[in-house]
């Protein structure tokens, strides 16, 4: 997934949530397989580690990295609480 593809998915989820009036459709988490993450240049996908408890974030959405994860963007319903605490989606840079 490229940064533009992720941004497009985040924006589409936010639009869908607004149209349906249901926060469950808002972005919940961005997941990466650790092999993909290692190959991703930090300049191409800027993230911020907010704190140990809140974790790594991109546009306010938690980024989860593990060898057991797939590369994808989950809405809050799909994630089942993964990515909480949820923050407001930040605008594109």
PDB file of N, CA and C in Angstrom:
ATOM      1  N   UNK A   1       0.848  -1.178   0.000  1.00  0.00           N
ATOM      2  CA  UNK A   1       0.000   0.000   0.000  1.00  0.00           C
ATOM      3  C   UNK A   1       0.892   1.238   0.000  1.00  0.00           C
ATOM      4  N   UNK A   2       0.553   2.150  -0.867  1.00  0.00           N
ATOM      5  CA  UNK A   2       1.275   3.424  -0.888  1.00  0.00           C
ATOM      6  C   UNK A   2       0.586   4.417   0.047  1.00  0.00           C
ATOM      7  N   UNK A   3       1.280   5.489   0.330  1.00  0.00           N
ATOM      8  CA  UNK A   3       0.692   6.536   1.172  1.00  0.00           C
ATOM      9  C   UNK A   3      -0.583   7.081   0.542  1.00  0.00           C
ATOM     10  N   UNK A   4      -0.564   7.295  -0.778  1.00  0.00           N
ATOM     11  CA  UNK A   4      -1.759   7.809  -1.457  1.00  0.00           C
ATOM     12  C   UNK A   4      -2.919   6.819  -1.351  1.00  0.00           C
ATOM     13  N   UNK A   5      -2.634   5.527  -1.507  1.00  0.00           N
ATOM     14  CA  UNK A   5      -3.685   4.511  -1.388  1.00  0.00           C
ATOM     15  C   UNK A   5      -4.262   4.495   0.025  1.00  0.00           C
ATOM     16  N   UNK A   6      -3.401   4.614   1.018  1.00  0.00           N
ATOM     17  CA  UNK A   6      -3.872   4.641   2.413  1.00  0.00           C
ATOM     18  C   UNK A   6      -4.706   5.890   2.650  1.00  0.00           C
ATOM     19  N   UNK A   7      -4.220   7.036   2.189  1.00  0.00           N
ATOM     20  CA  UNK A   7      -4.990   8.277   2.343  1.00  0.00           C
ATOM     21  C   UNK A   7      -6.356   8.163   1.679  1.00  0.00           C
ATOM     22  N   UNK A   8      -6.402   7.581   0.489  1.00  0.00           N
ATOM     23  CA  UNK A   8      -7.678   7.407  -0.212  1.00  0.00           C
ATOM     24  C   UNK A   8      -8.627   6.511   0.587  1.00  0.00           C
ATOM     25  N   UNK A   9      -8.105   5.415   1.162  1.00  0.00           N
ATOM     26  CA  UNK A   9      -8.951   4.514   1.957  1.00  0.00           C
ATOM     27  C   UNK A   9      -9.449   5.198   3.223  1.00  0.00           C
ATOM     28  N   UNK A  10      -8.580   5.939   3.902  1.00  0.00           N
ATOM     29  CA  UNK A  10      -8.993   6.656   5.112  1.00  0.00           C
ATOM     30  C   UNK A  10     -10.098   7.665   4.799  1.00  0.00           C
ATOM     31  N   UNK A  11      -9.911   8.425   3.720  1.00  0.00           N
ATOM     32  CA  UNK A  11     -10.914   9.433   3.337  1.00  0.00           C
ATOM     33  C   UNK A  11     -12.234   8.784   2.924  1.00  0.00           C
ATOM     34  N   UNK A  12     -12.159   7.656   2.207  1.00  0.00           N
ATOM     35  CA  UNK A  12     -13.377   6.950   1.795  1.00  0.00           C
ATOM     36  C   UNK A  12     -14.137   6.418   3.013  1.00  0.00           C
ATOM     37  N   UNK A  13     -13.409   5.911   3.998  1.00  0.00           N
ATOM     38  CA  UNK A  13     -14.060   5.409   5.218  1.00  0.00           C
ATOM     39  C   UNK A  13     -14.737   6.551   5.976  1.00  0.00           C
ATOM     40  N   UNK A  14     -14.057   7.685   6.066  1.00  0.00           N
ATOM     41  CA  UNK A  14     -14.637   8.836   6.754  1.00  0.00           C
ATOM     42  C   UNK A  14     -15.903   9.314   6.052  1.00  0.00           C
ATOM     43  N   UNK A  15     -15.865   9.322   4.724  1.00  0.00           N
ATOM     44  CA  UNK A  15     -17.040   9.737   3.945  1.00  0.00           C
ATOM     45  C   UNK A  15     -18.193   8.758   4.159  1.00  0.00           C
ATOM     46  N   UNK A  16     -17.895   7.454   4.120  1.00  0.00           N
ATOM     47  CA  UNK A  16     -18.936   6.444   4.323  1.00  0.00           C
ATOM     48  C   UNK A  16     -19.552   6.574   5.713  1.00  0.00           C
ATOM     49  N   UNK A  17     -18.722   6.788   6.727  1.00  0.00           N
ATOM     50  CA  UNK A  17     -19.226   6.935   8.094  1.00  0.00           C
ATOM     51  C   UNK A  17     -20.142   8.146   8.213  1.00  0.00           C
ATOM     52  N   UNK A  18     -19.764   9.246   7.555  1.00  0.00           N
ATOM     53  CA  UNK A  18     -20.592  10.455   7.594  1.00  0.00           C
ATOM     54  C   UNK A  18     -21.920  10.232   6.882  1.00  0.00           C
ATOM     55  N   UNK A  19     -21.871   9.554   5.732  1.00  0.00           N
ATOM     56  CA  UNK A  19     -23.095   9.288   4.973  1.00  0.00           C
ATOM     57  C   UNK A  19     -24.051   8.377   5.734  1.00  0.00           C
ATOM     58  N   UNK A  20     -23.506   7.393   6.446  1.00  0.00           N
ATOM     59  CA  UNK A  20     -24.332   6.433   7.186  1.00  0.00           C
ATOM     60  C   UNK A  20     -24.630   6.887   8.604  1.00  0.00           C
ATOM     61  N   UNK A  21     -23.923   7.922   9.059  1.00  0.00           N
ATOM     62  CA  UNK A  21     -24.117   8.391  10.424  1.00  0.00           C
ATOM     63  C   UNK A  21     -23.717   7.353  11.451  1.00  0.00           C
ATOM     64  N   UNK A  22     -22.669   6.595  11.144  1.00  0.00           N
ATOM     65  CA  UNK A  22     -22.249   5.486  12.012  1.00  0.00           C
ATOM     66  C   UNK A  22     -20.732   5.509  12.179  1.00  0.00           C
ATOM     67  N   UNK A  23     -20.276   5.761  13.399  1.00  0.00           N
ATOM     68  CA  UNK A  23     -18.847   5.837  13.679  1.00  0.00           C
ATOM     69  C   UNK A  23     -18.123   4.508  13.479  1.00  0.00           C
ATOM     70  N   UNK A  24     -18.851   3.411  13.410  1.00  0.00           N
ATOM     71  CA  UNK A  24     -18.230   2.097  13.211  1.00  0.00           C
ATOM     72  C   UNK A  24     -17.520   2.014  11.855  1.00  0.00           C
ATOM     73  N   UNK A  25     -17.905   2.908  10.926  1.00  0.00           N
ATOM     74  CA  UNK A  25     -17.295   2.899   9.599  1.00  0.00           C
ATOM     75  C   UNK A  25     -16.092   3.831   9.499  1.00  0.00           C
ATOM     76  N   UNK A  26     -15.774   4.552  10.580  1.00  0.00           N
ATOM     77  CA  UNK A  26     -14.587   5.404  10.592  1.00  0.00           C
ATOM     78  C   UNK A  26     -13.329   4.540  10.617  1.00  0.00           C
ATOM     79  N   UNK A  27     -12.193   5.084  10.161  1.00  0.00           N
ATOM     80  CA  UNK A  27     -10.952   4.310  10.202  1.00  0.00           C
ATOM     81  C   UNK A  27     -10.619   3.871  11.632  1.00  0.00           C
ATOM     82  N   UNK A  28     -10.233   2.600  11.755  1.00  0.00           N
ATOM     83  CA  UNK A  28      -9.904   2.065  13.077  1.00  0.00           C
ATOM     84  C   UNK A  28      -8.436   1.770  13.249  1.00  0.00           C
ATOM     85  N   UNK A  29      -7.800   1.197  12.224  1.00  0.00           N
ATOM     86  CA  UNK A  29      -6.378   0.857  12.312  1.00  0.00           C
ATOM     87  C   UNK A  29      -5.810   0.633  10.918  1.00  0.00           C
ATOM     88  N   UNK A  30      -4.521   0.910  10.811  1.00  0.00           N
ATOM     89  CA  UNK A  30      -3.754   0.589   9.612  1.00  0.00           C
ATOM     90  C   UNK A  30      -2.805  -0.521  10.023  1.00  0.00           C
ATOM     91  N   UNK A  31      -2.851  -1.659   9.331  1.00  0.00           N
ATOM     92  CA  UNK A  31      -1.993  -2.781   9.710  1.00  0.00           C
ATOM     93  C   UNK A  31      -0.977  -3.075   8.612  1.00  0.00           C
ATOM     94  N   UNK A  32       0.212  -3.437   9.040  1.00  0.00           N
ATOM     95  CA  UNK A  32       1.288  -3.799   8.129  1.00  0.00           C
ATOM     96  C   UNK A  32       1.928  -5.098   8.591  1.00  0.00           C
ATOM     97  N   UNK A  33       2.288  -5.925   7.627  1.00  0.00           N
ATOM     98  CA  UNK A  33       3.152  -7.055   7.927  1.00  0.00           C
ATOM     99  C   UNK A  33       4.533  -6.465   8.191  1.00  0.00           C
ATOM    100  N   UNK A  34       5.252  -7.012   9.148  1.00  0.00           N
ATOM    101  CA  UNK A  34       6.550  -6.447   9.516  1.00  0.00           C
ATOM    102  C   UNK A  34       7.534  -6.418   8.347  1.00  0.00           C
ATOM    103  N   UNK A  35       7.449  -7.383   7.443  1.00  0.00           N
ATOM    104  CA  UNK A  35       8.329  -7.391   6.275  1.00  0.00           C
ATOM    105  C   UNK A  35       8.060  -6.181   5.393  1.00  0.00           C
ATOM    106  N   UNK A  36       6.807  -5.840   5.196  1.00  0.00           N
ATOM    107  CA  UNK A  36       6.446  -4.658   4.409  1.00  0.00           C
ATOM    108  C   UNK A  36       6.922  -3.394   5.109  1.00  0.00           C
ATOM    109  N   UNK A  37       6.684  -3.320   6.412  1.00  0.00           N
ATOM    110  CA  UNK A  37       7.021  -2.115   7.182  1.00  0.00           C
ATOM    111  C   UNK A  37       8.511  -1.809   7.106  1.00  0.00           C
ATOM    112  N   UNK A  38       9.338  -2.827   7.194  1.00  0.00           N
ATOM    113  CA  UNK A  38      10.787  -2.633   7.153  1.00  0.00           C
ATOM    114  C   UNK A  38      11.216  -2.029   5.827  1.00  0.00           C
ATOM    115  N   UNK A  39      10.524  -2.375   4.755  1.00  0.00           N
ATOM    116  CA  UNK A  39      10.860  -1.880   3.416  1.00  0.00           C
ATOM    117  C   UNK A  39      10.260  -0.503   3.120  1.00  0.00           C
ATOM    118  N   UNK A  40       9.425   0.010   4.007  1.00  0.00           N
ATOM    119  CA  UNK A  40       8.750   1.289   3.788  1.00  0.00           C
ATOM    120  C   UNK A  40       9.630   2.435   4.276  1.00  0.00           C
ATOM    121  N   UNK A  41      10.024   3.348   3.380  1.00  0.00           N
ATOM    122  CA  UNK A  41      10.853   4.473   3.826  1.00  0.00           C
ATOM    123  C   UNK A  41      10.061   5.417   4.732  1.00  0.00           C
ATOM    124  N   UNK A  42      10.696   5.886   5.794  1.00  0.00           N
ATOM    125  CA  UNK A  42       9.992   6.766   6.742  1.00  0.00           C
ATOM    126  C   UNK A  42       9.545   8.062   6.091  1.00  0.00           C
ATOM    127  N   UNK A  43      10.251   8.490   5.058  1.00  0.00           N
ATOM    128  CA  UNK A  43       9.847   9.718   4.365  1.00  0.00           C
ATOM    129  C   UNK A  43       8.607   9.499   3.514  1.00  0.00           C
ATOM    130  N   UNK A  44       8.351   8.249   3.118  1.00  0.00           N
ATOM    131  CA  UNK A  44       7.192   7.946   2.287  1.00  0.00           C
ATOM    132  C   UNK A  44       5.915   7.745   3.078  1.00  0.00           C
ATOM    133  N   UNK A  45       6.070   7.443   4.358  1.00  0.00           N
ATOM    134  CA  UNK A  45       4.898   7.211   5.204  1.00  0.00           C
ATOM    135  C   UNK A  45       5.214   7.720   6.612  1.00  0.00           C
ATOM    136  N   UNK A  46       5.079   9.038   6.827  1.00  0.00           N
ATOM    137  CA  UNK A  46       5.462   9.621   8.104  1.00  0.00           C
ATOM    138  C   UNK A  46       4.489   9.265   9.223  1.00  0.00           C
ATOM    139  N   UNK A  47       5.011   8.699  10.282  1.00  0.00           N
ATOM    140  CA  UNK A  47       4.189   8.338  11.440  1.00  0.00           C
ATOM    141  C   UNK A  47       4.753   9.022  12.673  1.00  0.00           C
ATOM    142  N   UNK A  48       3.943   9.040  13.719  1.00  0.00           N
ATOM    143  CA  UNK A  48       4.343   9.632  14.987  1.00  0.00           C
ATOM    144  C   UNK A  48       4.033   8.652  16.109  1.00  0.00           C
ATOM    145  N   UNK A  49       5.016   8.405  16.966  1.00  0.00           N
ATOM    146  CA  UNK A  49       4.751   7.601  18.156  1.00  0.00           C
ATOM    147  C   UNK A  49       4.273   8.559  19.235  1.00  0.00           C
ATOM    148  N   UNK A  50       2.986   8.513  19.520  1.00  0.00           N
ATOM    149  CA  UNK A  50       2.383   9.442  20.471  1.00  0.00           C
ATOM    150  C   UNK A  50       2.834   9.113  21.890  1.00  0.00           C
ATOM    151  N   UNK A  51       2.714   7.854  22.270  1.00  0.00           N
ATOM    152  CA  UNK A  51       3.169   7.360  23.573  1.00  0.00           C
ATOM    153  C   UNK A  51       3.118   5.837  23.521  1.00  0.00           C
ATOM    154  N   UNK A  52       3.655   5.206  24.533  1.00  0.00           N
ATOM    155  CA  UNK A  52       3.644   3.744  24.566  1.00  0.00           C
ATOM    156  C   UNK A  52       2.211   3.220  24.573  1.00  0.00           C
ATOM    157  N   UNK A  53       1.335   3.847  25.319  1.00  0.00           N
ATOM    158  CA  UNK A  53      -0.051   3.390  25.418  1.00  0.00           C
ATOM    159  C   UNK A  53      -0.896   3.680  24.194  1.00  0.00           C
ATOM    160  N   UNK A  54      -0.606   4.758  23.500  1.00  0.00           N
ATOM    161  CA  UNK A  54      -1.398   5.180  22.345  1.00  0.00           C
ATOM    162  C   UNK A  54      -0.796   4.641  21.055  1.00  0.00           C
ATOM    163  N   UNK A  55       0.504   4.463  21.022  1.00  0.00           N
ATOM    164  CA  UNK A  55       1.165   3.830  19.899  1.00  0.00           C
ATOM    165  C   UNK A  55       1.511   4.741  18.744  1.00  0.00           C
ATOM    166  N   UNK A  56       1.872   4.099  17.636  1.00  0.00           N
ATOM    167  CA  UNK A  56       2.252   4.792  16.409  1.00  0.00           C
ATOM    168  C   UNK A  56       0.982   5.209  15.678  1.00  0.00           C
ATOM    169  N   UNK A  57       0.973   6.443  15.177  1.00  0.00           N
ATOM    170  CA  UNK A  57      -0.214   6.974  14.501  1.00  0.00           C
ATOM    171  C   UNK A  57       0.139   7.607  13.167  1.00  0.00           C
ATOM    172  N   UNK A  58      -0.788   7.495  12.236  1.00  0.00           N
ATOM    173  CA  UNK A  58      -0.727   8.232  10.975  1.00  0.00           C
ATOM    174  C   UNK A  58      -2.087   8.885  10.788  1.00  0.00           C
ATOM    175  N   UNK A  59      -2.116  10.194  10.685  1.00  0.00           N
ATOM    176  CA  UNK A  59      -3.354  10.968  10.574  1.00  0.00           C
ATOM    177  C   UNK A  59      -4.314  10.654  11.719  1.00  0.00           C
ATOM    178  N   UNK A  60      -3.759  10.305  12.878  1.00  0.00           N
ATOM    179  CA  UNK A  60      -4.574  10.011  14.051  1.00  0.00           C
ATOM    180  C   UNK A  60      -5.021   8.572  14.158  1.00  0.00           C
ATOM    181  N   UNK A  61      -4.715   7.737  13.163  1.00  0.00           N
ATOM    182  CA  UNK A  61      -5.133   6.335  13.134  1.00  0.00           C
ATOM    183  C   UNK A  61      -3.946   5.467  13.553  1.00  0.00           C
ATOM    184  N   UNK A  62      -4.200   4.524  14.449  1.00  0.00           N
ATOM    185  CA  UNK A  62      -3.123   3.678  14.939  1.00  0.00           C
ATOM    186  C   UNK A  62      -2.566   2.779  13.838  1.00  0.00           C
ATOM    187  N   UNK A  63      -1.230   2.664  13.811  1.00  0.00           N
ATOM    188  CA  UNK A  63      -0.526   1.802  12.873  1.00  0.00           C
ATOM    189  C   UNK A  63      -0.013   0.595  13.657  1.00  0.00           C
ATOM    190  N   UNK A  64      -0.435  -0.599  13.236  1.00  0.00           N
ATOM    191  CA  UNK A  64      -0.047  -1.838  13.911  1.00  0.00           C
ATOM    192  C   UNK A  64       0.846  -2.658  12.993  1.00  0.00           C
ATOM    193  N   UNK A  65       1.957  -3.129  13.532  1.00  0.00           N
ATOM    194  CA  UNK A  65       2.954  -3.843  12.740  1.00  0.00           C
ATOM    195  C   UNK A  65       3.244  -5.181  13.409  1.00  0.00           C
ATOM    196  N   UNK A  66       3.150  -6.257  12.611  1.00  0.00           N
ATOM    197  CA  UNK A  66       3.411  -7.597  13.143  1.00  0.00           C
ATOM    198  C   UNK A  66       3.621  -8.564  11.983  1.00  0.00           C
ATOM    199  N   UNK A  67       4.390  -9.602  12.235  1.00  0.00           N
ATOM    200  CA  UNK A  67       4.572 -10.634  11.212  1.00  0.00           C
ATOM    201  C   UNK A  67       3.281 -11.411  10.982  1.00  0.00           C
ATOM    202  N   UNK A  68       2.339 -11.302  11.911  1.00  0.00           N
ATOM    203  CA  UNK A  68       1.071 -12.016  11.790  1.00  0.00           C
ATOM    204  C   UNK A  68      -0.018 -11.180  11.102  1.00  0.00           C
ATOM    205  N   UNK A  69       0.277  -9.931  10.783  1.00  0.00           N
ATOM    206  CA  UNK A  69      -0.726  -9.043  10.180  1.00  0.00           C
ATOM    207  C   UNK A  69      -0.555  -8.941   8.673  1.00  0.00           C
ATOM    208  N   UNK A  70      -1.662  -8.552   8.025  1.00  0.00           N
ATOM    209  CA  UNK A  70      -1.659  -8.267   6.591  1.00  0.00           C
ATOM    210  C   UNK A  70      -1.629  -6.754   6.410  1.00  0.00           C
ATOM    211  N   UNK A  71      -1.242  -6.317   5.221  1.00  0.00           N
ATOM    212  CA  UNK A  71      -1.256  -4.897   4.894  1.00  0.00           C
ATOM    213  C   UNK A  71      -2.684  -4.503   4.538  1.00  0.00           C
ATOM    214  N   UNK A  72      -3.320  -3.704   5.414  1.00  0.00           N
ATOM    215  CA  UNK A  72      -4.685  -3.249   5.126  1.00  0.00           C
ATOM    216  C   UNK A  72      -5.096  -2.130   6.063  1.00  0.00           C
ATOM    217  N   UNK A  73      -6.199  -1.514   5.723  1.00  0.00           N
ATOM    218  CA  UNK A  73      -6.811  -0.483   6.560  1.00  0.00           C
ATOM    219  C   UNK A  73      -8.157  -1.026   7.020  1.00  0.00           C
ATOM    220  N   UNK A  74      -8.371  -1.017   8.324  1.00  0.00           N
ATOM    221  CA  UNK A  74      -9.608  -1.546   8.915  1.00  0.00           C
ATOM    222  C   UNK A  74     -10.473  -0.410   9.423  1.00  0.00           C
ATOM    223  N   UNK A  75     -11.787  -0.558   9.235  1.00  0.00           N
ATOM    224  CA  UNK A  75     -12.658   0.395   9.907  1.00  0.00           C
ATOM    225  C   UNK A  75     -12.853  -0.095  11.342  1.00  0.00           C
ATOM    226  N   UNK A  76     -13.512   0.685  12.163  1.00  0.00           N
ATOM    227  CA  UNK A  76     -13.642   0.342  13.586  1.00  0.00           C
ATOM    228  C   UNK A  76     -14.421  -0.954  13.798  1.00  0.00           C
ATOM    229  N   UNK A  77     -15.413  -1.204  12.965  1.00  0.00           N
ATOM    230  CA  UNK A  77     -16.202  -2.433  13.096  1.00  0.00           C
ATOM    231  C   UNK A  77     -15.358  -3.653  12.734  1.00  0.00           C
ATOM    232  N   UNK A  78     -14.602  -3.554  11.642  1.00  0.00           N
ATOM    233  CA  UNK A  78     -13.752  -4.672  11.207  1.00  0.00           C
ATOM    234  C   UNK A  78     -12.659  -4.970  12.223  1.00  0.00           C
ATOM    235  N   UNK A  79     -12.133  -3.923  12.848  1.00  0.00           N
ATOM    236  CA  UNK A  79     -11.034  -4.084  13.790  1.00  0.00           C
ATOM    237  C   UNK A  79     -11.447  -4.629  15.138  1.00  0.00           C
ATOM    238  N   UNK A  80     -12.722  -4.521  15.465  1.00  0.00           N
ATOM    239  CA  UNK A  80     -13.195  -5.043  16.743  1.00  0.00           C
ATOM    240  C   UNK A  80     -12.489  -4.455  17.954  1.00  0.00           C
ATOM    241  N   UNK A  81     -12.187  -3.168  17.896  1.00  0.00           N
ATOM    242  CA  UNK A  81     -11.529  -2.502  19.017  1.00  0.00           C
ATOM    243  C   UNK A  81     -10.039  -2.312  18.821  1.00  0.00           C
ATOM    244  N   UNK A  82      -9.478  -2.988  17.814  1.00  0.00           N
ATOM    245  CA  UNK A  82      -8.064  -2.778  17.503  1.00  0.00           C
ATOM    246  C   UNK A  82      -7.908  -1.351  17.014  1.00  0.00           C
ATOM    247  N   UNK A  83      -6.920  -0.659  17.521  1.00  0.00           N
ATOM    248  CA  UNK A  83      -6.704   0.733  17.132  1.00  0.00           C
ATOM    249  C   UNK A  83      -7.198   1.730  18.157  1.00  0.00           C
ATOM    250  N   UNK A  84      -7.937   1.256  19.153  1.00  0.00           N
ATOM    251  CA  UNK A  84      -8.418   2.150  20.204  1.00  0.00           C
ATOM    252  C   UNK A  84      -7.246   2.527  21.110  1.00  0.00           C
ATOM    253  N   UNK A  85      -7.243   3.683  21.723  1.00  0.00           N
ATOM    254  CA  UNK A  85      -8.289   4.701  21.673  1.00  0.00           C
ATOM    255  C   UNK A  85      -8.295   5.389  20.309  1.00  0.00           C
ATOM    256  N   UNK A  86      -9.498   5.680  19.850  1.00  0.00           N
ATOM    257  CA  UNK A  86      -9.659   6.297  18.541  1.00  0.00           C
ATOM    258  C   UNK A  86      -9.524   7.806  18.647  1.00  0.00           C
ATOM    259  N   UNK A  87      -8.851   8.383  17.661  1.00  0.00           N
ATOM    260  CA  UNK A  87      -8.688   9.827  17.555  1.00  0.00           C
ATOM    261  C   UNK A  87      -9.429  10.283  16.306  1.00  0.00           C
ATOM    262  N   UNK A  88      -9.668  11.601  16.228  1.00  0.00           N
ATOM    263  CA  UNK A  88     -10.261  12.161  15.010  1.00  0.00           C
ATOM    264  C   UNK A  88      -9.272  11.999  13.864  1.00  0.00           C
ATOM    265  N   UNK A  89      -9.802  11.769  12.662  1.00  0.00           N
ATOM    266  CA  UNK A  89      -8.972  11.649  11.476  1.00  0.00           C
ATOM    267  C   UNK A  89      -8.387  13.024  11.144  1.00  0.00           C
ATOM    268  N   UNK A  90      -7.072  13.074  11.059  1.00  0.00           N
ATOM    269  CA  UNK A  90      -6.398  14.328  10.742  1.00  0.00           C
ATOM    270  C   UNK A  90      -6.396  14.540   9.226  1.00  0.00           C
ATOM    271  N   UNK A  91      -6.340  15.789   8.780  1.00  0.00           N
ATOM    272  CA  UNK A  91      -6.313  16.053   7.344  1.00  0.00           C
ATOM    273  C   UNK A  91      -5.011  15.564   6.693  1.00  0.00           C
ATOM    274  N   UNK A  92      -5.075  15.366   5.387  1.00  0.00           N
ATOM    275  CA  UNK A  92      -3.871  14.974   4.640  1.00  0.00           C
ATOM    276  C   UNK A  92      -2.819  16.071   4.775  1.00  0.00           C
ATOM    277  N   UNK A  93      -1.569  15.659   4.772  1.00  0.00           N
ATOM    278  CA  UNK A  93      -0.468  16.631   4.858  1.00  0.00           C
ATOM    279  C   UNK A  93      -0.214  17.267   3.509  1.00  0.00           C
TER     280      UNK A  93
END
